Amino acid sequence: MLMKPVVSVIIPCYNQEKYIAETLDSVLAQTFGDWECIVMDDGSSDGSAAVVRAYCDKDPRIKYFHQENGGVSKARNEAVARSCGEYILPLDGDDLIAPSYIEEALAHMRSNPATKLVYCLADTFGGVSGPWFLKSFSYEDFVWENCIFCTALFRRSDFDAAGGYNVNMVNGLEDWDFLLSLLGPEDVVYQIPKVLFHYRILPGSRTRRMDDEKELLWQILQNHPDIYKDRLFAMVEKWRLESASLTYSLERPLGHALTKPLRLLREASRRKKYRS
């Protein structure tokens, strides 16, 4: 009888022939070995499949699946559906994890069962190299600006309870949207104080069109009305009361209040790497 792996590393792959081998090498280098790696090919038209299959032949912990192109959310959901691990670690097909990342993240989760999610410090490489400065996690700040990258460890049971990645987030921000479903105000999030994740900035990465960006931000608001409705009302009310004590007109501060949530979300989205 085969034992189930403890951790399932989930990798969506779309035309990443140039980078997927380096990503898989970083998984193979993990000091914790009881994992499986599910690669979901999202309809790649390059040689990604051949690269991954060669790794499958070398290590049965790596498993390759293919789907018609449906986007990263669908690819991650399909990969998780085929996984067996108690814990899930998403990883994009061009990023890297340090050798001790799984071991250290899992050790914290096991010794602190109240913890909902574990991530770490990070840096960037490729088109831009250096530290990746992210704010420390605070739920009230997090609902307006994401500070957690997708490669964080969480339990499969919590993934199922959150409903997985929303496939209506087609053009990006799907990881933030998912974490908004996964995490609540009282949940414990822990950041390992070490750089154990390496985020690749692709040379010449595309930026989102303004229309796409606005659509994504509005979609997040619509996907999570329970999070944003009262907070938006409270924010507008705060600015309304503050504006009443000022000598200048109401229109300027109220307009500023009404647009602040979108401006905060927009600034956060600009710091995200666009993925096809």
Protein backbone atom coordinates (compact mmCIF):
# COMPACT_ATOMS: atom_id res chain seq x y z
CA MET A 1 0.00 0.00 0.00
CA LEU A 2 1.45 3.35 -1.09
CA MET A 3 1.73 6.03 1.56
CA LYS A 4 0.31 9.45 0.74
CA PRO A 5 2.86 12.26 0.54
CA VAL A 6 2.75 14.92 3.22
CA VAL A 7 3.11 17.92 0.90
CA SER A 8 1.80 18.45 -2.62
CA VAL A 9 3.71 21.05 -4.63
CA ILE A 10 1.31 22.46 -7.25
CA ILE A 11 2.82 23.91 -10.44
CA PRO A 12 0.70 25.37 -13.25
CA CYS A 13 2.76 25.55 -16.43
CA TYR A 14 2.07 27.58 -19.54
CA ASN A 15 4.82 27.84 -22.16
CA GLN A 16 7.62 27.78 -19.59
CA GLU A 17 10.00 25.44 -21.39
CA LYS A 18 12.88 27.82 -20.64
CA TYR A 19 12.32 27.89 -16.87
CA ILE A 20 10.42 24.81 -15.69
CA ALA A 21 13.54 22.64 -15.33
CA GLU A 22 15.11 25.14 -12.92
CA THR A 23 11.86 25.25 -10.94
CA LEU A 24 11.69 21.45 -10.71
CA ASP A 25 15.36 21.31 -9.69
CA SER A 26 14.54 23.58 -6.76
CA VAL A 27 11.80 21.13 -5.70
CA LEU A 28 14.12 18.14 -6.05
CA ALA A 29 16.68 19.93 -3.87
CA GLN A 30 14.31 20.11 -0.86
CA THR A 31 15.71 18.82 2.42
CA PHE A 32 12.24 17.42 3.20
CA GLY A 33 11.61 14.57 0.80
CA ASP A 34 8.05 13.39 1.48
CA TRP A 35 6.39 15.41 -1.25
CA GLU A 36 4.75 15.01 -4.62
CA CYS A 37 4.92 17.59 -7.38
CA ILE A 38 1.87 17.99 -9.63
CA VAL A 39 2.62 19.86 -12.85
CA MET A 40 -0.55 20.93 -14.69
CA ASP A 41 0.25 21.93 -18.27
CA ASP A 42 -2.28 24.60 -19.21
CA GLY A 43 -2.23 23.95 -22.95
CA SER A 44 1.39 24.88 -23.61
CA SER A 45 2.44 25.14 -27.27
CA ASP A 46 6.20 24.95 -26.62
CA GLY A 47 8.34 22.09 -25.34
CA SER A 48 7.23 22.28 -21.69
CA ALA A 49 5.62 18.83 -21.78
CA ALA A 50 8.79 17.10 -22.94
CA VAL A 51 10.87 18.79 -20.25
CA VAL A 52 8.49 17.82 -17.46
CA ARG A 53 8.02 14.26 -18.69
CA ALA A 54 11.79 13.79 -18.62
CA TYR A 55 11.72 14.74 -14.93
CA CYS A 56 8.83 12.34 -14.33
CA ASP A 57 10.96 9.54 -15.75
CA LYS A 58 13.75 10.39 -13.32
CA ASP A 59 11.61 10.83 -10.18
CA PRO A 60 8.11 9.34 -9.73
CA ARG A 61 7.24 12.05 -7.20
CA ILE A 62 6.87 14.42 -10.17
CA LYS A 63 3.62 13.94 -12.07
CA TYR A 64 2.54 15.55 -15.33
CA PHE A 65 -1.03 16.35 -16.41
CA HIS A 66 -2.40 18.32 -19.33
CA GLN A 67 -5.51 20.42 -19.77
CA GLU A 68 -6.81 22.61 -22.56
CA ASN A 69 -5.84 26.21 -21.92
CA GLY A 70 -8.15 27.47 -19.20
CA GLY A 71 -6.04 29.85 -17.14
CA VAL A 72 -3.94 29.59 -14.03
CA SER A 73 -6.87 29.33 -11.59
CA LYS A 74 -8.32 26.33 -13.36
CA ALA A 75 -4.85 24.76 -13.69
CA ARG A 76 -4.17 25.09 -9.96
CA ASN A 77 -7.60 23.72 -9.06
CA GLU A 78 -7.14 20.74 -11.37
CA ALA A 79 -3.68 20.08 -9.95
CA VAL A 80 -4.96 20.16 -6.37
CA ALA A 81 -7.79 17.81 -7.35
CA ARG A 82 -5.16 15.27 -8.44
CA SER A 83 -3.02 15.74 -5.34
CA CYS A 84 -2.85 13.57 -2.23
CA GLY A 85 -0.90 15.65 0.28
CA GLU A 86 -2.17 16.97 3.58
CA TYR A 87 -0.49 20.30 2.81
CA ILE A 88 -0.42 22.34 -0.41
CA LEU A 89 2.42 24.53 -1.68
CA PRO A 90 1.64 26.39 -4.94
CA LEU A 91 4.66 27.26 -7.06
CA ASP A 92 4.70 28.94 -10.45
CA GLY A 93 6.65 27.30 -13.24
CA ASP A 94 9.39 29.94 -13.38
CA ASP A 95 9.98 30.65 -9.69
CA LEU A 96 12.29 28.89 -7.21
CA ILE A 97 12.21 27.74 -3.59
CA ALA A 98 15.25 27.41 -1.35
CA PRO A 99 16.20 23.86 -0.25
CA SER A 100 14.89 24.20 3.31
CA TYR A 101 11.62 25.99 2.52
CA ILE A 102 9.24 23.02 2.77
CA GLU A 103 11.01 21.61 5.83
CA GLU A 104 10.91 24.89 7.74
CA ALA A 105 7.36 25.82 6.75
CA LEU A 106 6.03 22.36 7.61
CA ALA A 107 7.84 22.28 10.95
CA HIS A 108 6.16 25.51 11.97
CA MET A 109 2.72 24.33 10.87
CA ARG A 110 3.06 21.08 12.78
CA SER A 111 4.34 22.70 15.97
CA ASN A 112 1.79 25.53 15.79
CA PRO A 113 -1.48 23.93 14.70
CA ALA A 114 -3.39 27.20 15.01
CA THR A 115 -1.35 28.63 12.13
CA LYS A 116 -3.38 28.84 8.91
CA LEU A 117 -0.61 29.76 6.47
CA VAL A 118 3.19 29.97 6.41
CA TYR A 119 5.32 31.96 3.97
CA CYS A 120 8.75 33.58 4.11
CA LEU A 121 10.88 36.50 3.05
CA ALA A 122 11.58 36.71 -0.67
CA ASP A 123 13.77 38.24 -3.33
CA THR A 124 13.54 38.77 -7.08
CA PHE A 125 15.81 37.67 -9.90
CA GLY A 126 15.85 37.74 -13.69
CA GLY A 127 14.80 41.10 -15.12
CA VAL A 128 15.11 42.75 -11.70
CA SER A 129 17.25 41.38 -8.87
CA GLY A 130 17.22 42.24 -5.19
CA PRO A 131 15.13 42.02 -2.02
CA TRP A 132 11.36 41.91 -2.46
CA PHE A 133 10.03 44.27 0.18
CA LEU A 134 6.57 43.23 1.37
CA LYS A 135 4.67 44.63 4.32
CA SER A 136 4.29 42.48 7.40
CA PHE A 137 0.94 40.71 7.48
CA SER A 138 -1.96 42.54 9.05
CA TYR A 139 -5.40 41.41 8.00
CA GLU A 140 -6.86 44.91 7.82
CA ASP A 141 -4.00 46.02 5.57
CA PHE A 142 -4.11 42.76 3.61
CA VAL A 143 -7.68 43.28 2.41
CA TRP A 144 -6.48 46.42 0.59
CA GLU A 145 -2.98 45.37 -0.42
CA ASN A 146 -1.66 41.85 -0.86
CA CYS A 147 1.57 41.12 1.00
CA ILE A 148 1.71 37.33 0.51
CA PHE A 149 2.96 35.67 -2.67
CA CYS A 150 1.28 32.54 -4.00
CA THR A 151 4.01 30.14 -2.79
CA ALA A 152 2.80 29.77 0.79
CA LEU A 153 2.06 26.54 2.67
CA PHE A 154 -1.49 25.76 3.82
CA ARG A 155 -3.61 22.71 4.58
CA ARG A 156 -5.56 20.89 1.87
CA SER A 157 -8.62 20.91 4.11
CA ASP A 158 -8.50 24.71 4.26
CA PHE A 159 -8.14 24.89 0.48
CA ASP A 160 -11.28 22.81 0.10
CA ALA A 161 -13.17 24.94 2.62
CA ALA A 162 -12.16 28.11 0.74
CA GLY A 163 -13.45 26.68 -2.55
CA GLY A 164 -10.16 26.82 -4.42
CA TYR A 165 -9.08 29.50 -6.89
CA ASN A 166 -11.86 31.49 -8.52
CA VAL A 167 -11.81 30.90 -12.28
CA ASN A 168 -13.33 34.32 -12.91
CA MET A 169 -9.91 35.84 -12.08
CA VAL A 170 -8.67 35.21 -15.61
CA ASN A 171 -6.04 37.91 -16.08
CA GLY A 172 -4.31 37.95 -12.70
CA LEU A 173 -4.68 38.61 -8.96
CA GLU A 174 -6.06 35.08 -8.57
CA ASP A 175 -3.64 34.33 -5.72
CA TRP A 176 -4.76 37.37 -3.71
CA ASP A 177 -8.39 36.57 -4.42
CA PHE A 178 -7.86 33.00 -3.17
CA LEU A 179 -6.11 34.15 0.00
CA LEU A 180 -9.03 36.48 0.73
CA SER A 181 -11.21 33.34 0.71
CA LEU A 182 -8.70 31.33 2.74
CA LEU A 183 -7.91 33.79 5.53
CA GLY A 184 -10.12 35.51 8.06
CA PRO A 185 -9.50 38.32 10.55
CA GLU A 186 -8.64 35.93 13.38
CA ASP A 187 -6.45 33.50 11.44
CA VAL A 188 -2.78 33.13 12.30
CA VAL A 189 -0.26 33.78 9.51
CA TYR A 190 3.46 33.25 10.02
CA GLN A 191 6.35 34.58 7.96
CA ILE A 192 9.66 32.70 8.22
CA PRO A 193 12.31 35.40 8.71
CA LYS A 194 14.52 34.04 5.94
CA VAL A 195 14.66 34.51 2.17
CA LEU A 196 13.43 31.10 0.99
CA PHE A 197 11.45 32.12 -2.09
CA HIS A 198 12.87 33.54 -5.31
CA TYR A 199 10.46 35.37 -7.61
CA ARG A 200 11.47 35.59 -11.25
CA ILE A 201 10.87 38.88 -13.04
CA LEU A 202 10.76 38.05 -16.72
CA PRO A 203 12.61 40.49 -19.00
CA GLY A 204 10.08 42.59 -20.83
CA SER A 205 7.16 41.39 -18.68
CA ARG A 206 3.91 42.87 -19.88
CA THR A 207 1.89 45.22 -17.73
CA ARG A 208 -1.87 45.07 -17.56
CA ARG A 209 -4.03 47.40 -19.59
CA MET A 210 -5.95 49.86 -17.44
CA ASP A 211 -9.28 48.32 -18.46
CA ASP A 212 -8.09 44.83 -17.44
CA GLU A 213 -6.78 46.22 -14.15
CA LYS A 214 -10.07 47.92 -13.28
CA GLU A 215 -11.99 44.79 -14.19
CA LEU A 216 -9.83 42.65 -11.88
CA LEU A 217 -10.18 45.05 -8.99
CA TRP A 218 -13.94 45.26 -9.37
CA GLN A 219 -14.07 41.47 -9.60
CA ILE A 220 -12.26 41.13 -6.28
CA LEU A 221 -14.77 43.49 -4.67
CA GLN A 222 -17.65 41.49 -6.16
CA ASN A 223 -16.13 38.14 -5.17
CA HIS A 224 -15.84 39.20 -1.51
CA PRO A 225 -18.77 41.46 -0.60
CA ASP A 226 -18.70 40.14 2.97
CA ILE A 227 -15.17 41.55 3.35
CA TYR A 228 -15.54 44.88 1.60
CA LYS A 229 -19.12 46.09 2.04
CA ASP A 230 -18.88 47.24 5.66
CA ARG A 231 -15.28 48.39 5.28
CA LEU A 232 -16.14 50.56 2.27
CA PHE A 233 -19.10 52.08 4.10
CA ALA A 234 -16.98 52.75 7.20
CA MET A 235 -14.26 54.34 5.10
CA VAL A 236 -16.67 56.65 3.32
CA GLU A 237 -18.36 57.55 6.61
CA LYS A 238 -15.00 58.36 8.20
CA TRP A 239 -14.08 60.74 5.40
CA ARG A 240 -17.55 62.27 5.47
CA LEU A 241 -17.25 63.09 9.16
CA GLU A 242 -13.71 64.39 8.77
CA SER A 243 -14.71 66.55 5.83
CA ALA A 244 -17.49 68.19 7.81
CA SER A 245 -14.94 69.85 10.08
CA LEU A 246 -12.92 71.30 7.21
CA THR A 247 -13.41 74.67 5.62
CA TYR A 248 -13.23 73.50 2.02
CA SER A 249 -16.04 71.78 0.17
CA LEU A 250 -17.29 68.25 0.76
CA GLU A 251 -16.79 67.11 -2.80
CA ARG A 252 -13.02 66.77 -2.71
CA PRO A 253 -12.58 64.62 0.44
CA LEU A 254 -15.67 62.53 -0.30
CA GLY A 255 -14.49 61.81 -3.82
CA HIS A 256 -11.11 60.94 -2.41
CA ALA A 257 -12.73 58.55 0.07
CA LEU A 258 -14.86 56.85 -2.54
CA THR A 259 -11.89 56.19 -4.77
CA LYS A 260 -9.34 55.25 -2.10
CA PRO A 261 -10.16 51.51 -2.08
CA LEU A 262 -9.68 51.28 -5.82
CA ARG A 263 -6.48 53.29 -5.66
CA LEU A 264 -5.07 51.01 -2.97
CA LEU A 265 -6.02 47.91 -4.92
CA ARG A 266 -4.60 49.40 -8.11
CA GLU A 267 -1.25 50.18 -6.50
CA ALA A 268 -1.03 46.62 -5.19
CA SER A 269 -1.86 45.15 -8.58
CA ARG A 270 0.89 47.14 -10.27
CA ARG A 271 3.45 45.32 -8.15
CA LYS A 272 2.26 41.91 -9.41
CA LYS A 273 3.93 40.12 -12.25
CA TYR A 274 1.60 39.52 -15.17
CA ARG A 275 1.31 35.87 -16.14
CA SER A 276 -0.23 34.59 -19.34
